[in-house]
């Protein structure tokens, strides 16, 4: 099974599950809130439904589940681990772009129809970086969704590769190490940590001079993706299909 075959299978699975997801999304994020407005005889206040959170969670779950189920199928059909890894990256990027594009298309439809006069699909967080520009909104939307799938790939691979007490110890270390650093840093340097943290966070999210900038935020997400994918690749090198009775 070559890369194109594996990618075609993965995209077919994504398309089917994505159709089901958008059916529920339209029902719960658009139709039900609209029916609520109609049921109370119309409202003069604007009703908002967030457009980012739901596809972000959906994309994360799809990537987390797929990294295990697809691995077992592909490896049994002679697909190399590198090909599986590349397939996951490409399919998750295309999935993120598709989700972002369809969500923004739904927003355009909702904004253009009079029946949705008092209902808005909100891109509140994205608008900080795009300033209303559609292409910028599509880019940062896709980038955030893809970042979520990169974290999901790492989490799914780690969950499958590391078992038992070793997993518990690693998770505890990941929790405790940042806490220990936050405690020891002021003692070692004699300075308070909060200004350092605040400055770092502002640089990370691209907040400069009271405005949010797209490039620093994009670079921060890219760095996070590279780290997640790099660790995922290393975990994937000697990964094997795990049997229930093993």
Protein backbone atom coordinates (compact mmCIF):
# COMPACT_ATOMS: atom_id res chain seq x y z
CA UNK A 1 0.00 0.00 0.00
CA UNK A 2 1.59 3.26 -1.16
CA UNK A 3 1.24 6.77 0.27
CA UNK A 4 -1.50 7.74 -2.18
CA UNK A 5 -3.55 4.65 -1.32
CA UNK A 6 -3.16 5.17 2.42
CA UNK A 7 -3.99 8.86 2.05
CA UNK A 8 -7.05 8.09 -0.08
CA UNK A 9 -8.33 5.68 2.57
CA UNK A 10 -7.70 8.18 5.35
CA UNK A 11 -9.41 11.05 3.49
CA UNK A 12 -12.43 8.87 2.70
CA UNK A 13 -12.78 8.08 6.40
CA UNK A 14 -12.41 11.78 7.26
CA UNK A 15 -15.02 12.79 4.66
CA UNK A 16 -17.63 10.33 5.99
CA UNK A 17 -17.09 11.22 9.64
CA UNK A 18 -16.88 14.91 8.74
CA UNK A 19 -20.28 14.76 7.05
CA UNK A 20 -21.77 13.24 10.19
CA UNK A 21 -20.05 15.86 12.35
CA UNK A 22 -21.35 18.80 10.31
CA UNK A 23 -24.86 17.34 10.47
CA UNK A 24 -24.69 17.53 14.26
CA UNK A 25 -22.89 20.88 14.13
CA UNK A 26 -25.59 22.49 12.00
CA UNK A 27 -28.29 21.02 14.25
CA UNK A 28 -26.82 22.01 17.62
CA UNK A 29 -24.89 25.16 16.71
CA UNK A 30 -27.32 26.74 14.24
CA UNK A 31 -30.80 25.20 14.04
CA UNK A 32 -31.50 24.68 17.75
CA UNK A 33 -30.32 28.19 18.78
CA UNK A 34 -32.38 29.65 15.93
CA UNK A 35 -35.47 27.69 17.01
CA UNK A 36 -34.94 29.06 20.50
CA UNK A 37 -34.98 32.62 19.17
CA UNK A 38 -38.12 31.91 17.13
CA UNK A 39 -39.84 30.18 20.05
CA UNK A 40 -39.64 33.29 22.22
CA UNK A 41 -41.06 35.41 19.45
CA UNK A 42 -37.79 36.79 18.19
CA UNK A 43 -35.11 38.55 20.16
CA UNK A 44 -33.66 42.02 19.75
CA UNK A 45 -30.42 40.82 21.30
CA UNK A 46 -27.79 39.07 19.19
CA UNK A 47 -27.32 35.32 19.84
CA UNK A 48 -23.78 34.01 19.30
CA UNK A 49 -22.47 30.50 18.63
CA UNK A 50 -18.70 29.93 18.73
CA UNK A 51 -17.21 28.66 15.46
CA UNK A 52 -13.76 27.58 16.70
CA UNK A 53 -14.16 25.35 19.76
CA UNK A 54 -16.34 22.57 18.29
CA UNK A 55 -14.22 21.78 15.17
CA UNK A 56 -11.07 22.02 17.30
CA UNK A 57 -12.37 19.31 19.66
CA UNK A 58 -13.65 17.22 16.74
CA UNK A 59 -10.32 17.42 14.90
CA UNK A 60 -8.44 16.46 18.07
CA UNK A 61 -10.64 13.41 18.68
CA UNK A 62 -10.40 12.29 15.04
CA UNK A 63 -6.60 12.54 15.06
CA UNK A 64 -6.30 10.84 18.47
CA UNK A 65 -8.46 7.89 17.41
CA UNK A 66 -7.02 7.65 13.90
CA UNK A 67 -3.38 7.47 15.00
CA UNK A 68 -4.13 4.09 16.62
CA UNK A 69 -6.78 2.50 14.39
CA UNK A 70 -5.08 3.47 11.13
CA UNK A 71 -1.68 2.33 12.36
CA UNK A 72 -2.92 -1.21 12.98
CA UNK A 73 -4.58 -1.39 9.56
CA UNK A 74 -1.70 0.13 7.61
CA UNK A 75 1.12 -1.79 9.30
CA UNK A 76 -0.69 -5.09 8.61
CA UNK A 77 -0.87 -4.11 4.92
CA UNK A 78 2.84 -3.48 4.63
CA UNK A 79 2.86 0.30 5.00
CA UNK A 80 6.05 1.66 6.53
CA UNK A 81 5.97 3.68 9.72
CA UNK A 82 7.33 6.72 7.89
CA UNK A 83 4.53 6.52 5.31
CA UNK A 84 1.94 6.21 8.09
CA UNK A 85 3.43 9.24 9.81
CA UNK A 86 3.40 11.33 6.61
CA UNK A 87 -0.15 10.17 5.83
CA UNK A 88 -1.35 11.35 9.23
CA UNK A 89 0.28 14.76 8.79
CA UNK A 90 -1.10 15.38 5.28
CA UNK A 91 -4.60 14.08 6.07
CA UNK A 92 -4.83 16.11 9.28
CA UNK A 93 -3.68 19.26 7.48
CA UNK A 94 -6.27 18.74 4.73
CA UNK A 95 -8.91 17.96 7.36
CA UNK A 96 -8.06 21.17 9.21
CA UNK A 97 -8.28 23.23 6.03
CA UNK A 98 -11.58 21.59 5.06
CA UNK A 99 -13.11 22.15 8.49
CA UNK A 100 -12.02 25.79 8.52
CA UNK A 101 -13.27 26.44 4.98
CA UNK A 102 -16.68 24.83 5.53
CA UNK A 103 -17.17 26.59 8.87
CA UNK A 104 -16.38 29.98 7.32
CA UNK A 105 -18.70 29.17 4.40
CA UNK A 106 -21.48 28.40 6.88
CA UNK A 107 -20.76 31.72 8.57
CA UNK A 108 -21.09 33.54 5.24
CA UNK A 109 -24.44 31.83 4.58
CA UNK A 110 -25.74 32.60 8.06
CA UNK A 111 -24.62 36.25 7.83
CA UNK A 112 -26.31 36.70 4.44
CA UNK A 113 -29.78 35.29 5.25
CA UNK A 114 -32.41 37.56 6.87
CA UNK A 115 -33.74 34.65 8.95
CA UNK A 116 -30.46 34.71 10.90
CA UNK A 117 -30.66 38.45 11.60
CA UNK A 118 -30.26 37.98 15.35
CA UNK A 119 -27.94 34.97 15.18
CA UNK A 120 -24.17 35.04 14.56
CA UNK A 121 -21.56 32.32 14.16
CA UNK A 122 -18.75 33.96 16.11
CA UNK A 123 -15.08 34.02 15.10
CA UNK A 124 -14.25 36.28 18.04
CA UNK A 125 -10.77 34.86 18.80
CA UNK A 126 -9.79 34.56 15.13
CA UNK A 127 -10.79 38.18 14.46
CA UNK A 128 -8.05 39.35 16.82
CA UNK A 129 -5.48 38.21 14.27
CA UNK A 130 -7.30 38.54 10.94
CA UNK A 131 -8.92 42.01 11.28
CA UNK A 132 -11.86 40.69 9.28
CA UNK A 133 -9.72 39.55 6.33
CA UNK A 134 -11.16 36.26 5.03
CA UNK A 135 -7.86 34.75 3.87
CA UNK A 136 -6.15 35.58 7.15
CA UNK A 137 -9.10 34.12 9.05
CA UNK A 138 -8.94 30.93 6.98
CA UNK A 139 -5.19 30.65 7.55
CA UNK A 140 -5.21 31.12 11.33
CA UNK A 141 -8.31 28.92 11.64
CA UNK A 142 -6.57 26.11 9.71
CA UNK A 143 -3.33 26.63 11.62
CA UNK A 144 -5.03 26.35 15.04
CA UNK A 145 -6.99 23.25 14.02
CA UNK A 146 -3.83 21.62 12.65
CA UNK A 147 -1.96 22.47 15.85
CA UNK A 148 -4.69 20.64 17.78
CA UNK A 149 -4.29 17.54 15.59
CA UNK A 150 -0.50 17.59 16.13
CA UNK A 151 -1.07 17.49 19.89
CA UNK A 152 -3.58 14.67 19.33
CA UNK A 153 -1.05 12.68 17.28
CA UNK A 154 1.49 12.98 20.08
CA UNK A 155 -1.07 12.10 22.76
CA UNK A 156 -2.42 9.13 20.80
CA UNK A 157 1.03 7.73 19.97
CA UNK A 158 2.22 8.21 23.55
CA UNK A 159 -0.92 6.51 24.89
CA UNK A 160 -0.34 3.51 22.62
CA UNK A 161 3.44 3.28 22.96
CA UNK A 162 3.93 3.85 26.70
CA UNK A 163 2.10 1.57 29.11
CA UNK A 164 1.74 0.82 32.80
CA UNK A 165 3.68 2.58 35.55
CA UNK A 166 6.04 4.21 33.06
CA UNK A 167 3.13 6.18 31.60
CA UNK A 168 2.00 7.36 35.04
CA UNK A 169 5.54 8.45 35.98
CA UNK A 170 6.03 10.41 32.73
CA UNK A 171 2.66 12.16 33.09
CA UNK A 172 3.46 13.10 36.69
CA UNK A 173 6.86 14.45 35.62
CA UNK A 174 5.25 16.54 32.90
CA UNK A 175 2.95 18.01 35.54
CA UNK A 176 5.54 18.52 38.28
CA UNK A 177 8.54 19.82 36.30
CA UNK A 178 6.89 23.12 35.27
CA UNK A 179 5.61 23.56 38.83
CA UNK A 180 9.11 23.03 40.22
CA UNK A 181 10.65 25.47 37.75
CA UNK A 182 8.07 28.13 38.61
CA UNK A 183 8.98 27.66 42.29
CA UNK A 184 12.78 27.57 41.96
CA UNK A 185 13.23 30.32 39.37
CA UNK A 186 12.55 33.28 41.73
CA UNK A 187 14.80 31.73 44.40
CA UNK A 188 17.69 31.14 41.99
CA UNK A 189 17.54 34.52 40.24
CA UNK A 190 16.26 36.71 43.04
CA UNK A 191 13.64 38.17 40.74
CA UNK A 192 9.92 37.66 40.48
CA UNK A 193 8.71 35.31 37.77
CA UNK A 194 5.50 37.07 36.78
CA UNK A 195 7.08 39.78 34.55
CA UNK A 196 9.09 37.11 32.71
CA UNK A 197 6.01 34.93 32.23
CA UNK A 198 3.88 37.87 31.12
CA UNK A 199 6.48 38.99 28.55
CA UNK A 200 6.92 35.46 27.23
CA UNK A 201 3.17 34.91 26.94
CA UNK A 202 2.72 38.20 25.08
CA UNK A 203 5.44 37.23 22.61
CA UNK A 204 3.93 33.77 22.19
CA UNK A 205 0.42 34.98 21.33
CA UNK A 206 1.67 37.95 19.29
CA UNK A 207 0.40 40.69 21.60
CA UNK A 208 2.40 43.85 20.89
CA UNK A 209 1.44 47.44 21.64
CA UNK A 210 -2.07 46.42 22.59
CA UNK A 211 -2.70 44.58 19.30
CA UNK A 212 -2.56 40.93 18.26
CA UNK A 213 -0.25 40.16 15.34
CA UNK A 214 -0.62 37.13 13.08
CA UNK A 215 3.04 36.35 12.35
CA UNK A 216 4.31 35.82 15.94
CA UNK A 217 1.24 33.70 16.74
CA UNK A 218 1.78 31.64 13.57
CA UNK A 219 5.44 31.07 14.43
CA UNK A 220 4.53 30.00 17.97
CA UNK A 221 2.04 27.47 16.63
CA UNK A 222 4.60 26.24 14.09
CA UNK A 223 7.21 25.69 16.80
CA UNK A 224 4.65 23.77 18.84
CA UNK A 225 3.74 21.63 15.81
CA UNK A 226 7.39 20.81 15.05
CA UNK A 227 8.01 19.78 18.66
CA UNK A 228 4.88 17.60 18.79
CA UNK A 229 5.55 15.97 15.43
CA UNK A 230 9.24 15.44 16.22
CA UNK A 231 8.46 13.60 19.45
CA UNK A 232 5.67 11.67 17.71
CA UNK A 233 8.09 10.54 14.99
CA UNK A 234 10.58 9.29 17.58
CA UNK A 235 7.85 7.40 19.44
CA UNK A 236 6.67 5.94 16.15
CA UNK A 237 10.07 4.49 15.11
CA UNK A 238 9.81 1.20 17.01
CA UNK A 239 6.07 1.20 17.50
CA UNK A 240 4.35 -2.17 17.13
CA UNK A 241 0.78 -3.43 16.93
CA UNK A 242 -0.28 -4.19 20.48
CA UNK A 243 -2.43 -7.28 21.07
CA UNK A 244 -5.00 -7.46 23.84
CA UNK A 245 -3.55 -10.66 25.29
CA UNK A 246 0.06 -9.48 25.00
